[in-house]
Amino acid sequence: MDLGRWTALLRADAANLTSRETQIRDAAWIARCVGRGAAAPLGPQDVAGLAERITPAEFRKDELLFGAGAGDRPGVWIVRSGHVELGVATSRGRVVVGVLRPGDVEGDLPLLLGIPVPYSARAMDDVVCLYLSPTDFESLLARHPAVARRWLSSVAQRLATSHGRLISLLGRPLVAQVAGLLLDESDQGTVRLPQRTLAAMLGVARPSLNKVLKDLERRSLVALGYGSIQLLDDDGLRRVRNA
């Protein structure tokens, strides 16, 4: 074999090894996102089985990932980087029902229940997701019971969190709802969401939200910036939320 072809084969093997290492790293990262290891420890074969099935997918800002207008694209989506807005079209326009951040999982519950995804997903900035097709997701759960147990704990935790948020909003004044939303959406002390998205998540007009935010800023609880809100006093916001 000539030197040129041997070098090309070595490079190909190195590229395949790098790709495999990336898959394993992504699979291990997903395992941390979807459950607690103490409750459902994963072995090397479980991580390898997950790695074999995930596919990276990249999206530009404002591009649709799945749901209505995106050809549906059923499957499981795990956000690796960026932010994804979940919305529902209504007679009054698009209503935001949630925002996915790195580590968040979507699409698994509709697959488990055999129902279509009730909303569409739009990239708020450049987004990288790890994708599992419906067939691969079903095969993964069937062949790897430890992964299935861990995924079940993830689904239960997300449902409990959603129910808790809904209950906490019932009958609460808007200022308490805003304080609670800011605490929930904070990432290391900063909410990196535009006010229009926060207003849509609360189902209120943007001027109403802005009025509340300005009041919280005057009370030195938050600092408003362009497209972001810095939380200055978490304990103070909790008091407002619970008042």
C-alpha atoms as a PDB file:
ATOM      1  CA  MET A   1       0.000   0.000   0.000  1.00  0.00           C
ATOM      2  CA  ASP A   2       1.433   3.401  -0.987  1.00  0.00           C
ATOM      3  CA  LEU A   3       2.110   6.060   1.644  1.00  0.00           C
ATOM      4  CA  GLY A   4      -0.639   8.397   0.387  1.00  0.00           C
ATOM      5  CA  ARG A   5      -3.381   5.798   0.705  1.00  0.00           C
ATOM      6  CA  TRP A   6      -2.095   4.663   4.113  1.00  0.00           C
ATOM      7  CA  THR A   7      -2.161   8.261   5.354  1.00  0.00           C
ATOM      8  CA  ALA A   8      -5.717   8.701   4.036  1.00  0.00           C
ATOM      9  CA  LEU A   9      -6.851   5.547   5.868  1.00  0.00           C
ATOM     10  CA  LEU A  10      -5.255   6.729   9.097  1.00  0.00           C
ATOM     11  CA  ARG A  11      -7.022  10.069   8.792  1.00  0.00           C
ATOM     12  CA  ALA A  12     -10.341   8.338   8.124  1.00  0.00           C
ATOM     13  CA  ASP A  13      -9.876   6.133  11.184  1.00  0.00           C
ATOM     14  CA  ALA A  14      -9.035   9.185  13.297  1.00  0.00           C
ATOM     15  CA  ALA A  15     -12.137  10.994  12.029  1.00  0.00           C
ATOM     16  CA  ASN A  16     -14.318   7.968  12.810  1.00  0.00           C
ATOM     17  CA  LEU A  17     -12.801   7.731  16.284  1.00  0.00           C
ATOM     18  CA  THR A  18     -13.425  11.431  16.920  1.00  0.00           C
ATOM     19  CA  SER A  19     -17.028  11.058  15.731  1.00  0.00           C
ATOM     20  CA  ARG A  20     -17.533   8.040  17.985  1.00  0.00           C
ATOM     21  CA  GLU A  21     -16.041   9.880  20.968  1.00  0.00           C
ATOM     22  CA  THR A  22     -18.403  12.784  20.285  1.00  0.00           C
ATOM     23  CA  GLN A  23     -21.380  10.403  20.195  1.00  0.00           C
ATOM     24  CA  ILE A  24     -20.382   8.813  23.497  1.00  0.00           C
ATOM     25  CA  ARG A  25     -19.858  12.233  25.097  1.00  0.00           C
ATOM     26  CA  ASP A  26     -23.270  13.424  23.878  1.00  0.00           C
ATOM     27  CA  ALA A  27     -24.908  10.201  25.089  1.00  0.00           C
ATOM     28  CA  ALA A  28     -23.374  10.585  28.542  1.00  0.00           C
ATOM     29  CA  TRP A  29     -24.557  14.199  28.635  1.00  0.00           C
ATOM     30  CA  ILE A  30     -28.119  13.120  27.717  1.00  0.00           C
ATOM     31  CA  ALA A  31     -28.019  10.518  30.482  1.00  0.00           C
ATOM     32  CA  ARG A  32     -27.351  13.296  33.007  1.00  0.00           C
ATOM     33  CA  CYS A  33     -30.204  15.383  31.570  1.00  0.00           C
ATOM     34  CA  VAL A  34     -32.930  12.750  31.785  1.00  0.00           C
ATOM     35  CA  GLY A  35     -32.643  11.381  35.292  1.00  0.00           C
ATOM     36  CA  ARG A  36     -30.722  10.671  38.461  1.00  0.00           C
ATOM     37  CA  GLY A  37     -28.003   8.061  38.298  1.00  0.00           C
ATOM     38  CA  ALA A  38     -28.596   6.835  41.854  1.00  0.00           C
ATOM     39  CA  ALA A  39     -32.168   5.866  40.945  1.00  0.00           C
ATOM     40  CA  ALA A  40     -31.306   4.281  37.597  1.00  0.00           C
ATOM     41  CA  PRO A  41     -27.573   3.788  37.024  1.00  0.00           C
ATOM     42  CA  LEU A  42     -26.483   3.260  33.424  1.00  0.00           C
ATOM     43  CA  GLY A  43     -23.831   0.813  32.309  1.00  0.00           C
ATOM     44  CA  PRO A  44     -21.425   1.178  29.370  1.00  0.00           C
ATOM     45  CA  GLN A  45     -23.779  -0.771  27.101  1.00  0.00           C
ATOM     46  CA  ASP A  46     -26.640   1.616  27.923  1.00  0.00           C
ATOM     47  CA  VAL A  47     -24.568   4.676  27.038  1.00  0.00           C
ATOM     48  CA  ALA A  48     -23.296   2.981  23.890  1.00  0.00           C
ATOM     49  CA  GLY A  49     -26.867   2.082  22.878  1.00  0.00           C
ATOM     50  CA  LEU A  50     -27.905   5.690  23.299  1.00  0.00           C
ATOM     51  CA  ALA A  51     -24.865   6.925  21.374  1.00  0.00           C
ATOM     52  CA  GLU A  52     -25.697   4.706  18.411  1.00  0.00           C
ATOM     53  CA  ARG A  53     -29.125   6.273  18.008  1.00  0.00           C
ATOM     54  CA  ILE A  54     -28.665  10.022  18.476  1.00  0.00           C
ATOM     55  CA  THR A  55     -28.279  12.378  15.525  1.00  0.00           C
ATOM     56  CA  PRO A  56     -27.137  16.018  15.860  1.00  0.00           C
ATOM     57  CA  ALA A  57     -29.288  18.637  14.126  1.00  0.00           C
ATOM     58  CA  GLU A  58     -28.507  22.338  13.690  1.00  0.00           C
ATOM     59  CA  PHE A  59     -31.017  25.169  13.233  1.00  0.00           C
ATOM     60  CA  ARG A  60     -30.636  28.869  12.548  1.00  0.00           C
ATOM     61  CA  LYS A  61     -32.462  31.612  14.433  1.00  0.00           C
ATOM     62  CA  ASP A  62     -36.238  31.656  13.684  1.00  0.00           C
ATOM     63  CA  GLU A  63     -36.076  28.260  11.950  1.00  0.00           C
ATOM     64  CA  LEU A  64     -38.808  25.763  12.888  1.00  0.00           C
ATOM     65  CA  LEU A  65     -37.647  22.519  14.479  1.00  0.00           C
ATOM     66  CA  PHE A  66     -40.841  20.483  14.666  1.00  0.00           C
ATOM     67  CA  GLY A  67     -44.613  20.759  14.870  1.00  0.00           C
ATOM     68  CA  ALA A  68     -47.042  22.598  12.600  1.00  0.00           C
ATOM     69  CA  GLY A  69     -45.266  24.326   9.726  1.00  0.00           C
ATOM     70  CA  ALA A  70     -42.138  22.179  10.081  1.00  0.00           C
ATOM     71  CA  GLY A  71     -43.486  18.947   8.619  1.00  0.00           C
ATOM     72  CA  ASP A  72     -44.217  17.729  12.174  1.00  0.00           C
ATOM     73  CA  ARG A  73     -40.883  15.814  12.532  1.00  0.00           C
ATOM     74  CA  PRO A  74     -41.954  13.562  15.405  1.00  0.00           C
ATOM     75  CA  GLY A  75     -39.215  12.288  17.673  1.00  0.00           C
ATOM     76  CA  VAL A  76     -37.282  13.193  20.805  1.00  0.00           C
ATOM     77  CA  TRP A  77     -35.335  16.451  20.817  1.00  0.00           C
ATOM     78  CA  ILE A  78     -32.678  17.301  23.421  1.00  0.00           C
ATOM     79  CA  VAL A  79     -31.379  20.870  23.291  1.00  0.00           C
ATOM     80  CA  ARG A  80     -27.568  20.843  23.275  1.00  0.00           C
ATOM     81  CA  SER A  81     -27.097  24.605  22.852  1.00  0.00           C
ATOM     82  CA  GLY A  82     -29.302  27.615  22.222  1.00  0.00           C
ATOM     83  CA  HIS A  83     -32.939  28.300  23.129  1.00  0.00           C
ATOM     84  CA  VAL A  84     -36.157  26.984  21.600  1.00  0.00           C
ATOM     85  CA  GLU A  85     -39.565  28.657  21.879  1.00  0.00           C
ATOM     86  CA  LEU A  86     -42.662  26.444  22.069  1.00  0.00           C
ATOM     87  CA  GLY A  87     -45.825  28.111  20.806  1.00  0.00           C
ATOM     88  CA  VAL A  88     -49.410  27.475  19.807  1.00  0.00           C
ATOM     89  CA  ALA A  89     -51.272  29.345  17.064  1.00  0.00           C
ATOM     90  CA  THR A  90     -54.515  30.945  18.282  1.00  0.00           C
ATOM     91  CA  SER A  91     -57.047  33.371  16.831  1.00  0.00           C
ATOM     92  CA  ARG A  92     -55.132  36.172  18.575  1.00  0.00           C
ATOM     93  CA  GLY A  93     -51.733  35.064  17.295  1.00  0.00           C
ATOM     94  CA  ARG A  94     -48.987  32.768  18.528  1.00  0.00           C
ATOM     95  CA  VAL A  95     -48.993  32.070  22.264  1.00  0.00           C
ATOM     96  CA  VAL A  96     -45.721  30.962  23.862  1.00  0.00           C
ATOM     97  CA  VAL A  97     -46.181  28.024  26.224  1.00  0.00           C
ATOM     98  CA  GLY A  98     -42.573  27.393  27.126  1.00  0.00           C
ATOM     99  CA  VAL A  99     -38.899  27.897  26.370  1.00  0.00           C
ATOM    100  CA  LEU A 100     -36.378  25.069  26.111  1.00  0.00           C
ATOM    101  CA  ARG A 101     -32.789  25.595  27.227  1.00  0.00           C
ATOM    102  CA  PRO A 102     -29.693  23.375  27.015  1.00  0.00           C
ATOM    103  CA  GLY A 103     -30.457  20.040  28.658  1.00  0.00           C
ATOM    104  CA  ASP A 104     -34.230  20.260  28.138  1.00  0.00           C
ATOM    105  CA  VAL A 105     -36.042  17.369  26.451  1.00  0.00           C
ATOM    106  CA  GLU A 106     -39.151  17.571  24.268  1.00  0.00           C
ATOM    107  CA  GLY A 107     -41.212  15.210  22.120  1.00  0.00           C
ATOM    108  CA  ASP A 108     -40.866  12.082  24.248  1.00  0.00           C
ATOM    109  CA  LEU A 109     -44.208  12.393  26.046  1.00  0.00           C
ATOM    110  CA  PRO A 110     -46.269  12.668  22.810  1.00  0.00           C
ATOM    111  CA  LEU A 111     -44.444   9.583  21.486  1.00  0.00           C
ATOM    112  CA  LEU A 112     -45.153   7.610  24.661  1.00  0.00           C
ATOM    113  CA  LEU A 113     -48.851   8.612  24.537  1.00  0.00           C
ATOM    114  CA  GLY A 114     -49.186   8.200  20.777  1.00  0.00           C
ATOM    115  CA  ILE A 115     -50.445  11.753  20.238  1.00  0.00           C
ATOM    116  CA  PRO A 116     -49.222  14.563  17.965  1.00  0.00           C
ATOM    117  CA  VAL A 117     -47.079  17.354  19.400  1.00  0.00           C
ATOM    118  CA  PRO A 118     -49.577  20.103  20.371  1.00  0.00           C
ATOM    119  CA  TYR A 119     -47.245  23.029  19.600  1.00  0.00           C
ATOM    120  CA  SER A 120     -44.504  24.096  17.223  1.00  0.00           C
ATOM    121  CA  ALA A 121     -40.898  24.793  18.120  1.00  0.00           C
ATOM    122  CA  ARG A 122     -38.906  27.790  16.844  1.00  0.00           C
ATOM    123  CA  ALA A 123     -35.202  28.483  17.332  1.00  0.00           C
ATOM    124  CA  MET A 124     -34.728  31.711  19.302  1.00  0.00           C
ATOM    125  CA  ASP A 125     -31.048  31.773  18.343  1.00  0.00           C
ATOM    126  CA  ASP A 126     -28.695  29.311  16.662  1.00  0.00           C
ATOM    127  CA  VAL A 127     -29.593  25.909  18.101  1.00  0.00           C
ATOM    128  CA  VAL A 128     -27.993  22.469  18.194  1.00  0.00           C
ATOM    129  CA  CYS A 129     -30.216  19.529  19.151  1.00  0.00           C
ATOM    130  CA  LEU A 130     -29.629  15.817  19.607  1.00  0.00           C
ATOM    131  CA  TYR A 131     -32.426  13.887  17.897  1.00  0.00           C
ATOM    132  CA  LEU A 132     -33.907  10.419  18.411  1.00  0.00           C
ATOM    133  CA  SER A 133     -36.331   9.172  15.762  1.00  0.00           C
ATOM    134  CA  PRO A 134     -39.542   7.469  16.983  1.00  0.00           C
ATOM    135  CA  THR A 135     -38.179   4.069  15.899  1.00  0.00           C
ATOM    136  CA  ASP A 136     -34.836   4.593  17.623  1.00  0.00           C
ATOM    137  CA  PHE A 137     -36.513   5.890  20.787  1.00  0.00           C
ATOM    138  CA  GLU A 138     -38.798   2.841  20.997  1.00  0.00           C
ATOM    139  CA  SER A 139     -35.867   0.494  20.340  1.00  0.00           C
ATOM    140  CA  LEU A 140     -33.736   2.236  22.972  1.00  0.00           C
ATOM    141  CA  LEU A 141     -36.364   1.875  25.696  1.00  0.00           C
ATOM    142  CA  ALA A 142     -37.161  -1.739  24.756  1.00  0.00           C
ATOM    143  CA  ARG A 143     -33.555  -2.927  24.727  1.00  0.00           C
ATOM    144  CA  HIS A 144     -32.182  -0.916  27.642  1.00  0.00           C
ATOM    145  CA  PRO A 145     -34.428  -1.121  30.759  1.00  0.00           C
ATOM    146  CA  ALA A 146     -32.095   1.126  32.770  1.00  0.00           C
ATOM    147  CA  VAL A 147     -32.490   3.884  30.178  1.00  0.00           C
ATOM    148  CA  ALA A 148     -36.277   3.365  30.231  1.00  0.00           C
ATOM    149  CA  ARG A 149     -36.388   3.732  34.037  1.00  0.00           C
ATOM    150  CA  ARG A 150     -34.268   6.862  33.927  1.00  0.00           C
ATOM    151  CA  TRP A 151     -36.377   8.356  31.141  1.00  0.00           C
ATOM    152  CA  LEU A 152     -39.568   7.616  33.097  1.00  0.00           C
ATOM    153  CA  SER A 153     -38.189   9.497  36.101  1.00  0.00           C
ATOM    154  CA  SER A 154     -37.405  12.448  33.808  1.00  0.00           C
ATOM    155  CA  VAL A 155     -40.957  12.526  32.409  1.00  0.00           C
ATOM    156  CA  ALA A 156     -42.449  12.330  35.919  1.00  0.00           C
ATOM    157  CA  GLN A 157     -40.213  15.155  37.175  1.00  0.00           C
ATOM    158  CA  ARG A 158     -41.099  17.420  34.252  1.00  0.00           C
ATOM    159  CA  LEU A 159     -44.821  16.792  34.712  1.00  0.00           C
ATOM    160  CA  ALA A 160     -44.568  17.501  38.438  1.00  0.00           C
ATOM    161  CA  THR A 161     -42.719  20.757  37.728  1.00  0.00           C
ATOM    162  CA  SER A 162     -45.341  21.842  35.181  1.00  0.00           C
ATOM    163  CA  HIS A 163     -48.200  21.061  37.544  1.00  0.00           C
ATOM    164  CA  GLY A 164     -46.465  22.935  40.351  1.00  0.00           C
ATOM    165  CA  ARG A 165     -46.001  26.001  38.172  1.00  0.00           C
ATOM    166  CA  LEU A 166     -49.655  25.995  37.087  1.00  0.00           C
ATOM    167  CA  ILE A 167     -50.889  25.663  40.656  1.00  0.00           C
ATOM    168  CA  SER A 168     -48.589  28.460  41.825  1.00  0.00           C
ATOM    169  CA  LEU A 169     -50.104  30.814  39.222  1.00  0.00           C
ATOM    170  CA  LEU A 170     -53.746  30.190  40.078  1.00  0.00           C
ATOM    171  CA  GLY A 171     -55.364  33.310  41.508  1.00  0.00           C
ATOM    172  CA  ARG A 172     -52.035  35.059  41.976  1.00  0.00           C
ATOM    173  CA  PRO A 173     -51.602  38.787  41.197  1.00  0.00           C
ATOM    174  CA  LEU A 174     -49.549  39.583  38.116  1.00  0.00           C
ATOM    175  CA  VAL A 175     -46.545  40.832  40.103  1.00  0.00           C
ATOM    176  CA  ALA A 176     -46.365  37.487  41.926  1.00  0.00           C
ATOM    177  CA  GLN A 177     -46.630  35.607  38.624  1.00  0.00           C
ATOM    178  CA  VAL A 178     -43.845  37.685  37.096  1.00  0.00           C
ATOM    179  CA  ALA A 179     -41.566  37.143  40.097  1.00  0.00           C
ATOM    180  CA  GLY A 180     -42.173  33.408  39.942  1.00  0.00           C
ATOM    181  CA  LEU A 181     -41.519  33.258  36.209  1.00  0.00           C
ATOM    182  CA  LEU A 182     -38.254  35.180  36.549  1.00  0.00           C
ATOM    183  CA  LEU A 183     -37.056  32.804  39.264  1.00  0.00           C
ATOM    184  CA  ASP A 184     -38.025  29.772  37.169  1.00  0.00           C
ATOM    185  CA  GLU A 185     -36.382  31.023  33.973  1.00  0.00           C
ATOM    186  CA  SER A 186     -33.213  32.391  35.587  1.00  0.00           C
ATOM    187  CA  ASP A 187     -29.943  30.948  34.351  1.00  0.00           C
ATOM    188  CA  GLN A 188     -27.110  31.857  36.724  1.00  0.00           C
ATOM    189  CA  GLY A 189     -28.923  34.979  37.825  1.00  0.00           C
ATOM    190  CA  THR A 190     -30.017  36.183  34.389  1.00  0.00           C
ATOM    191  CA  VAL A 191     -33.198  35.670  32.346  1.00  0.00           C
ATOM    192  CA  ARG A 192     -32.146  35.788  28.697  1.00  0.00           C
ATOM    193  CA  LEU A 193     -35.595  36.102  27.184  1.00  0.00           C
ATOM    194  CA  PRO A 194     -37.181  39.139  25.494  1.00  0.00           C
ATOM    195  CA  GLN A 195     -40.145  40.738  27.209  1.00  0.00           C
ATOM    196  CA  ARG A 196     -42.484  39.715  24.380  1.00  0.00           C
ATOM    197  CA  THR A 197     -41.692  36.064  25.115  1.00  0.00           C
ATOM    198  CA  LEU A 198     -42.183  36.480  28.864  1.00  0.00           C
ATOM    199  CA  ALA A 199     -45.480  38.299  28.256  1.00  0.00           C
ATOM    200  CA  ALA A 200     -46.657  35.510  25.952  1.00  0.00           C
ATOM    201  CA  MET A 201     -45.714  32.874  28.536  1.00  0.00           C
ATOM    202  CA  LEU A 202     -47.898  34.675  31.095  1.00  0.00           C
ATOM    203  CA  GLY A 203     -50.692  35.396  28.633  1.00  0.00           C
ATOM    204  CA  VAL A 204     -50.603  39.165  29.271  1.00  0.00           C
ATOM    205  CA  ALA A 205     -49.990  42.258  27.148  1.00  0.00           C
ATOM    206  CA  ARG A 206     -46.375  43.400  26.941  1.00  0.00           C
ATOM    207  CA  PRO A 207     -47.112  46.885  28.416  1.00  0.00           C
ATOM    208  CA  SER A 208     -48.616  45.214  31.488  1.00  0.00           C
ATOM    209  CA  LEU A 209     -45.508  43.090  31.949  1.00  0.00           C
ATOM    210  CA  ASN A 210     -43.210  46.066  31.387  1.00  0.00           C
ATOM    211  CA  LYS A 211     -45.031  48.051  34.078  1.00  0.00           C
ATOM    212  CA  VAL A 212     -44.467  45.246  36.602  1.00  0.00           C
ATOM    213  CA  LEU A 213     -40.808  44.855  35.610  1.00  0.00           C
ATOM    214  CA  LYS A 214     -40.206  48.585  35.989  1.00  0.00           C
ATOM    215  CA  ASP A 215     -41.704  48.405  39.474  1.00  0.00           C
ATOM    216  CA  LEU A 216     -39.432  45.477  40.383  1.00  0.00           C
ATOM    217  CA  GLU A 217     -36.474  47.454  39.049  1.00  0.00           C
ATOM    218  CA  ARG A 218     -37.382  50.467  41.187  1.00  0.00           C
ATOM    219  CA  ARG A 219     -37.398  48.152  44.184  1.00  0.00           C
ATOM    220  CA  SER A 220     -33.857  46.996  43.260  1.00  0.00           C
ATOM    221  CA  LEU A 221     -35.006  43.417  42.719  1.00  0.00           C
ATOM    222  CA  VAL A 222     -34.035  43.245  39.032  1.00  0.00           C
ATOM    223  CA  ALA A 223     -32.015  45.167  36.447  1.00  0.00           C
ATOM    224  CA  LEU A 224     -33.529  45.429  32.966  1.00  0.00           C
ATOM    225  CA  GLY A 225     -31.281  45.096  29.925  1.00  0.00           C
ATOM    226  CA  TYR A 226     -31.687  44.611  26.197  1.00  0.00           C
ATOM    227  CA  GLY A 227     -33.200  41.164  25.756  1.00  0.00           C
ATOM    228  CA  SER A 228     -32.283  40.097  29.284  1.00  0.00           C
ATOM    229  CA  ILE A 229     -33.165  40.669  32.932  1.00  0.00           C
ATOM    230  CA  GLN A 230     -30.651  40.345  35.761  1.00  0.00           C
ATOM    231  CA  LEU A 231     -31.950  39.139  39.104  1.00  0.00           C
ATOM    232  CA  LEU A 232     -30.467  41.244  41.907  1.00  0.00           C
ATOM    233  CA  ASP A 233     -32.349  39.883  44.929  1.00  0.00           C
ATOM    234  CA  ASP A 234     -33.638  36.304  44.688  1.00  0.00           C
ATOM    235  CA  ASP A 235     -34.942  36.317  48.258  1.00  0.00           C
ATOM    236  CA  GLY A 236     -36.851  39.530  47.597  1.00  0.00           C
ATOM    237  CA  LEU A 237     -38.404  38.030  44.461  1.00  0.00           C
ATOM    238  CA  ARG A 238     -39.420  34.937  46.423  1.00  0.00           C
ATOM    239  CA  ARG A 239     -41.187  37.164  48.957  1.00  0.00           C
ATOM    240  CA  VAL A 240     -43.036  38.883  46.114  1.00  0.00           C
ATOM    241  CA  ARG A 241     -43.914  35.523  44.572  1.00  0.00           C
ATOM    242  CA  ASN A 242     -45.261  34.145  47.832  1.00  0.00           C
ATOM    243  CA  ALA A 243     -47.055  37.278  49.003  1.00  0.00           C
END
